[in-house]
Amino acid sequence: MAVEDLTFGLAEGECFALLGVNGAGKSTTFKSLTGEIEATSGSVKVGGYEIATDFRRASKLMGYCP
């Protein structure tokens, strides 16, 4: 399991970055947020929109620069 029990929230207009050691799940987290991979359990939401079922609406609320 790459990521377990991750929860965080941001206010509108906030930017964030993930820092951690190799293997901490940073890339997997961003891949989940961008719809590149699907979560095997739990949910991934942006602005209340589920990434797996309403990615178009969710993606309009975020920007991503790898």
N, C-alpha and C. Protein backbone atom coordinates (compact mmCIF):
# COMPACT_ATOMS: atom_id res chain seq x y z
N MET A 1 0.84 -1.17 0.00
CA MET A 1 0.00 0.00 0.00
C MET A 1 0.89 1.24 0.00
N ALA A 2 0.64 2.11 -0.94
CA ALA A 2 1.48 3.31 -1.08
C ALA A 2 1.01 4.46 -0.20
N VAL A 3 -0.30 4.63 -0.07
CA VAL A 3 -0.85 5.74 0.71
C VAL A 3 -1.99 5.19 1.55
N GLU A 4 -1.98 5.51 2.85
CA GLU A 4 -3.02 5.03 3.74
C GLU A 4 -3.43 6.14 4.69
N ASP A 5 -4.72 6.33 4.84
CA ASP A 5 -5.28 7.30 5.79
C ASP A 5 -4.77 8.72 5.56
N LEU A 6 -4.78 9.17 4.34
CA LEU A 6 -4.36 10.54 4.03
C LEU A 6 -5.59 11.42 3.92
N THR A 7 -5.60 12.50 4.67
CA THR A 7 -6.67 13.48 4.62
C THR A 7 -6.06 14.86 4.74
N PHE A 8 -6.47 15.79 3.88
CA PHE A 8 -6.05 17.17 4.04
C PHE A 8 -7.06 18.07 3.34
N GLY A 9 -7.06 19.31 3.71
CA GLY A 9 -7.97 20.27 3.11
C GLY A 9 -7.24 21.56 2.82
N LEU A 10 -7.73 22.27 1.84
CA LEU A 10 -7.15 23.55 1.44
C LEU A 10 -8.26 24.56 1.26
N ALA A 11 -7.97 25.80 1.57
CA ALA A 11 -8.92 26.87 1.30
C ALA A 11 -8.77 27.29 -0.16
N GLU A 12 -9.80 27.90 -0.71
CA GLU A 12 -9.76 28.36 -2.10
C GLU A 12 -8.55 29.27 -2.32
N GLY A 13 -7.81 29.00 -3.39
CA GLY A 13 -6.65 29.81 -3.75
C GLY A 13 -5.35 29.39 -3.10
N GLU A 14 -5.39 28.45 -2.17
CA GLU A 14 -4.16 27.98 -1.53
C GLU A 14 -3.37 27.06 -2.46
N CYS A 15 -2.07 27.08 -2.31
CA CYS A 15 -1.16 26.17 -3.01
C CYS A 15 -0.52 25.27 -1.98
N PHE A 16 -0.10 24.08 -2.39
CA PHE A 16 0.57 23.18 -1.46
C PHE A 16 1.57 22.31 -2.19
N ALA A 17 2.45 21.73 -1.43
CA ALA A 17 3.42 20.78 -1.95
C ALA A 17 3.53 19.64 -0.94
N LEU A 18 3.90 18.49 -1.41
CA LEU A 18 4.14 17.35 -0.53
C LEU A 18 5.64 17.12 -0.43
N LEU A 19 6.13 17.02 0.76
CA LEU A 19 7.53 16.73 1.00
C LEU A 19 7.63 15.42 1.77
N GLY A 20 8.62 14.63 1.45
CA GLY A 20 8.81 13.38 2.17
C GLY A 20 9.93 12.57 1.56
N VAL A 21 10.29 11.53 2.26
CA VAL A 21 11.37 10.66 1.81
C VAL A 21 10.90 9.82 0.62
N ASN A 22 11.83 9.20 -0.08
CA ASN A 22 11.50 8.30 -1.17
C ASN A 22 10.57 7.20 -0.67
N GLY A 23 9.52 6.94 -1.43
CA GLY A 23 8.59 5.88 -1.07
C GLY A 23 7.49 6.31 -0.11
N ALA A 24 7.41 7.60 0.19
CA ALA A 24 6.41 8.08 1.16
C ALA A 24 5.01 8.17 0.57
N GLY A 25 4.87 8.13 -0.75
CA GLY A 25 3.56 8.18 -1.38
C GLY A 25 3.23 9.51 -2.05
N LYS A 26 4.22 10.36 -2.22
CA LYS A 26 3.97 11.68 -2.84
C LYS A 26 3.47 11.54 -4.27
N SER A 27 4.17 10.81 -5.08
CA SER A 27 3.77 10.63 -6.49
C SER A 27 2.43 9.93 -6.60
N THR A 28 2.21 8.93 -5.79
CA THR A 28 0.94 8.21 -5.81
C THR A 28 -0.21 9.13 -5.42
N THR A 29 0.01 10.00 -4.45
CA THR A 29 -1.03 10.96 -4.05
C THR A 29 -1.38 11.88 -5.21
N PHE A 30 -0.38 12.44 -5.88
CA PHE A 30 -0.67 13.33 -6.99
C PHE A 30 -1.29 12.58 -8.17
N LYS A 31 -0.88 11.35 -8.41
CA LYS A 31 -1.49 10.56 -9.48
C LYS A 31 -2.97 10.29 -9.17
N SER A 32 -3.29 10.12 -7.91
CA SER A 32 -4.69 9.94 -7.50
C SER A 32 -5.48 11.22 -7.69
N LEU A 33 -4.88 12.35 -7.35
CA LEU A 33 -5.56 13.64 -7.49
C LEU A 33 -5.81 14.01 -8.95
N THR A 34 -4.92 13.58 -9.84
CA THR A 34 -5.05 13.93 -11.25
C THR A 34 -5.77 12.86 -12.07
N GLY A 35 -6.22 11.80 -11.44
CA GLY A 35 -6.96 10.76 -12.14
C GLY A 35 -6.10 9.79 -12.92
N GLU A 36 -4.79 9.90 -12.77
CA GLU A 36 -3.89 8.99 -13.49
C GLU A 36 -4.04 7.56 -12.98
N ILE A 37 -4.27 7.42 -11.69
CA ILE A 37 -4.57 6.12 -11.10
C ILE A 37 -5.82 6.26 -10.25
N GLU A 38 -6.52 5.16 -10.04
CA GLU A 38 -7.73 5.17 -9.24
C GLU A 38 -7.43 4.59 -7.86
N ALA A 39 -8.00 5.20 -6.85
CA ALA A 39 -7.82 4.70 -5.48
C ALA A 39 -8.43 3.31 -5.37
N THR A 40 -7.74 2.42 -4.67
CA THR A 40 -8.27 1.07 -4.48
C THR A 40 -9.27 1.01 -3.34
N SER A 41 -9.27 2.02 -2.49
CA SER A 41 -10.28 2.13 -1.43
C SER A 41 -10.40 3.60 -1.04
N GLY A 42 -11.45 3.92 -0.32
CA GLY A 42 -11.65 5.30 0.08
C GLY A 42 -12.09 6.15 -1.10
N SER A 43 -11.89 7.45 -0.98
CA SER A 43 -12.30 8.35 -2.04
C SER A 43 -11.32 9.48 -2.20
N VAL A 44 -11.30 10.05 -3.39
CA VAL A 44 -10.46 11.20 -3.68
C VAL A 44 -11.41 12.28 -4.20
N LYS A 45 -11.51 13.38 -3.46
CA LYS A 45 -12.43 14.44 -3.84
C LYS A 45 -11.73 15.78 -3.93
N VAL A 46 -12.16 16.59 -4.88
CA VAL A 46 -11.68 17.96 -5.03
C VAL A 46 -12.93 18.83 -5.15
N GLY A 47 -13.08 19.76 -4.22
CA GLY A 47 -14.25 20.63 -4.25
C GLY A 47 -15.56 19.88 -4.10
N GLY A 48 -15.51 18.73 -3.45
CA GLY A 48 -16.70 17.90 -3.29
C GLY A 48 -16.97 16.96 -4.44
N TYR A 49 -16.20 17.06 -5.52
CA TYR A 49 -16.37 16.19 -6.67
C TYR A 49 -15.44 14.99 -6.57
N GLU A 50 -16.00 13.83 -6.79
CA GLU A 50 -15.24 12.58 -6.75
C GLU A 50 -14.40 12.46 -8.02
N ILE A 51 -13.11 12.27 -7.86
CA ILE A 51 -12.20 12.17 -9.00
C ILE A 51 -12.60 11.02 -9.92
N ALA A 52 -12.98 9.89 -9.36
CA ALA A 52 -13.28 8.71 -10.16
C ALA A 52 -14.54 8.87 -11.00
N THR A 53 -15.51 9.66 -10.55
CA THR A 53 -16.78 9.75 -11.26
C THR A 53 -17.08 11.12 -11.86
N ASP A 54 -16.40 12.16 -11.41
CA ASP A 54 -16.68 13.51 -11.90
C ASP A 54 -15.39 14.30 -12.09
N PHE A 55 -14.44 13.67 -12.78
CA PHE A 55 -13.11 14.27 -12.92
C PHE A 55 -13.15 15.62 -13.64
N ARG A 56 -13.98 15.76 -14.64
CA ARG A 56 -14.02 17.04 -15.39
C ARG A 56 -14.31 18.22 -14.47
N ARG A 57 -15.29 18.10 -13.62
CA ARG A 57 -15.62 19.19 -12.70
C ARG A 57 -14.51 19.40 -11.68
N ALA A 58 -13.98 18.31 -11.14
CA ALA A 58 -12.93 18.41 -10.14
C ALA A 58 -11.67 19.05 -10.73
N SER A 59 -11.32 18.67 -11.95
CA SER A 59 -10.07 19.16 -12.54
C SER A 59 -10.12 20.66 -12.83
N LYS A 60 -11.31 21.20 -13.02
CA LYS A 60 -11.44 22.64 -13.25
C LYS A 60 -11.12 23.47 -12.01
N LEU A 61 -11.07 22.80 -10.86
CA LEU A 61 -10.82 23.49 -9.60
C LEU A 61 -9.38 23.41 -9.14
N MET A 62 -8.52 22.79 -9.93
CA MET A 62 -7.12 22.63 -9.51
C MET A 62 -6.15 22.84 -10.66
N GLY A 63 -4.94 23.16 -10.30
CA GLY A 63 -3.85 23.22 -11.24
C GLY A 63 -2.75 22.29 -10.74
N TYR A 64 -1.97 21.77 -11.65
CA TYR A 64 -0.93 20.80 -11.27
C TYR A 64 0.31 21.05 -12.10
N CYS A 65 1.42 21.19 -11.42
CA CYS A 65 2.71 21.38 -12.08
C CYS A 65 3.69 20.39 -11.48
N PRO A 66 3.94 19.27 -12.18
CA PRO A 66 4.84 18.23 -11.62
C PRO A 66 6.29 18.68 -11.55
